Amino acid sequence: MSSQQIVVFFGNSLTAGRLGIGFSAYLQAARETKLLFRGINGDTMLGVTSRVLSFLKRGHNTTLLKGLVIECGANDLLLPYVSAA
């Protein structure tokens, strides 16, 4: 069993790093810390919140969890414009 600490990032495409300019490529961590990126393109605050709660409820080994980063909101700004089209 690994004792490597983890930091989990939840968010949208900016977290996923697949579309546009993602910030994941710019982050560095100490060798004993693993960065896990859980971004989904087009995700909203509701979706991100749901995934974070599910992650926490599943009982992951939180003793290794060094941090949890939540990035969302950019897609929510577009919702009024998308629904009006």
Protein backbone atom coordinates (compact mmCIF):
# COMPACT_ATOMS: atom_id res chain seq x y z
CA MET A 1 0.00 0.00 0.00
CA SER A 2 1.36 3.41 -0.99
CA SER A 3 1.74 6.20 1.53
CA GLN A 4 1.79 8.82 -1.22
CA GLN A 5 -0.46 11.76 -0.36
CA ILE A 6 -2.91 12.99 -2.99
CA VAL A 7 -4.52 16.26 -3.99
CA VAL A 8 -7.71 15.83 -6.02
CA PHE A 9 -8.91 18.53 -8.43
CA PHE A 10 -12.59 18.59 -9.43
CA GLY A 11 -13.93 20.93 -12.08
CA ASN A 12 -14.71 21.56 -15.73
CA SER A 13 -12.56 21.63 -18.87
CA LEU A 14 -10.07 24.01 -17.24
CA THR A 15 -9.36 21.28 -14.71
CA ALA A 16 -9.42 18.52 -17.32
CA GLY A 17 -6.88 20.43 -19.40
CA ARG A 18 -8.23 19.14 -22.69
CA LEU A 19 -9.87 22.28 -24.09
CA GLY A 20 -8.55 25.81 -24.09
CA ILE A 21 -5.96 26.66 -21.49
CA GLY A 22 -5.95 24.19 -18.64
CA PHE A 23 -4.03 24.97 -15.48
CA SER A 24 -3.02 21.37 -14.73
CA ALA A 25 0.13 21.61 -16.84
CA TYR A 26 1.39 24.49 -14.69
CA LEU A 27 1.11 22.78 -11.31
CA GLN A 28 3.98 21.09 -9.59
CA ALA A 29 3.90 19.01 -6.47
CA ALA A 30 6.41 17.53 -4.11
CA ARG A 31 7.51 14.05 -5.10
CA GLU A 32 5.49 12.51 -2.26
CA THR A 33 2.26 14.13 -3.50
CA LYS A 34 0.19 12.82 -6.39
CA LEU A 35 -2.12 15.21 -8.28
CA LEU A 36 -5.37 13.72 -9.58
CA PHE A 37 -7.39 15.78 -12.07
CA ARG A 38 -11.11 14.99 -12.28
CA GLY A 39 -12.34 17.63 -14.71
CA ILE A 40 -15.23 17.10 -17.13
CA ASN A 41 -15.72 19.31 -20.16
CA GLY A 42 -18.87 21.45 -19.89
CA ASP A 43 -19.53 20.58 -16.26
CA THR A 44 -21.44 23.04 -14.07
CA MET A 45 -21.43 23.79 -10.35
CA LEU A 46 -24.22 21.26 -9.81
CA GLY A 47 -22.28 18.50 -11.53
CA VAL A 48 -19.00 19.29 -9.80
CA THR A 49 -20.68 19.43 -6.39
CA SER A 50 -22.39 16.10 -7.02
CA ARG A 51 -19.10 14.44 -7.99
CA VAL A 52 -17.25 15.85 -4.97
CA LEU A 53 -19.94 14.62 -2.58
CA SER A 54 -19.93 11.20 -4.25
CA PHE A 55 -16.14 11.02 -3.94
CA LEU A 56 -16.28 11.86 -0.23
CA LYS A 57 -19.16 9.47 0.49
CA ARG A 58 -17.45 6.52 -1.22
CA GLY A 59 -15.02 6.40 1.68
CA HIS A 60 -11.76 6.96 -0.13
CA ASN A 61 -8.72 6.80 2.12
CA THR A 62 -8.93 10.35 3.44
CA THR A 63 -5.80 9.89 5.55
CA LEU A 64 -3.84 10.19 2.28
CA LEU A 65 -5.93 13.13 1.06
CA LYS A 66 -3.72 16.19 1.36
CA GLY A 67 -6.10 18.56 -0.40
CA LEU A 68 -9.26 18.93 -2.44
CA VAL A 69 -9.50 21.70 -5.04
CA ILE A 70 -12.83 22.69 -6.58
CA GLU A 71 -12.84 24.80 -9.77
CA CYS A 72 -16.19 25.60 -11.35
CA GLY A 73 -18.50 28.40 -12.40
CA ALA A 74 -17.27 29.32 -15.87
CA ASN A 75 -19.87 27.18 -17.62
CA ASP A 76 -22.61 28.38 -15.27
CA LEU A 77 -22.07 31.92 -16.58
CA LEU A 78 -23.04 30.66 -20.05
CA LEU A 79 -26.25 28.85 -18.99
CA PRO A 80 -28.62 31.82 -19.48
CA TYR A 81 -27.28 32.35 -22.99
CA VAL A 82 -27.42 28.68 -23.96
CA SER A 83 -30.97 28.22 -22.70
CA ALA A 84 -32.12 31.39 -24.53
CA ALA A 85 -30.81 30.15 -27.89
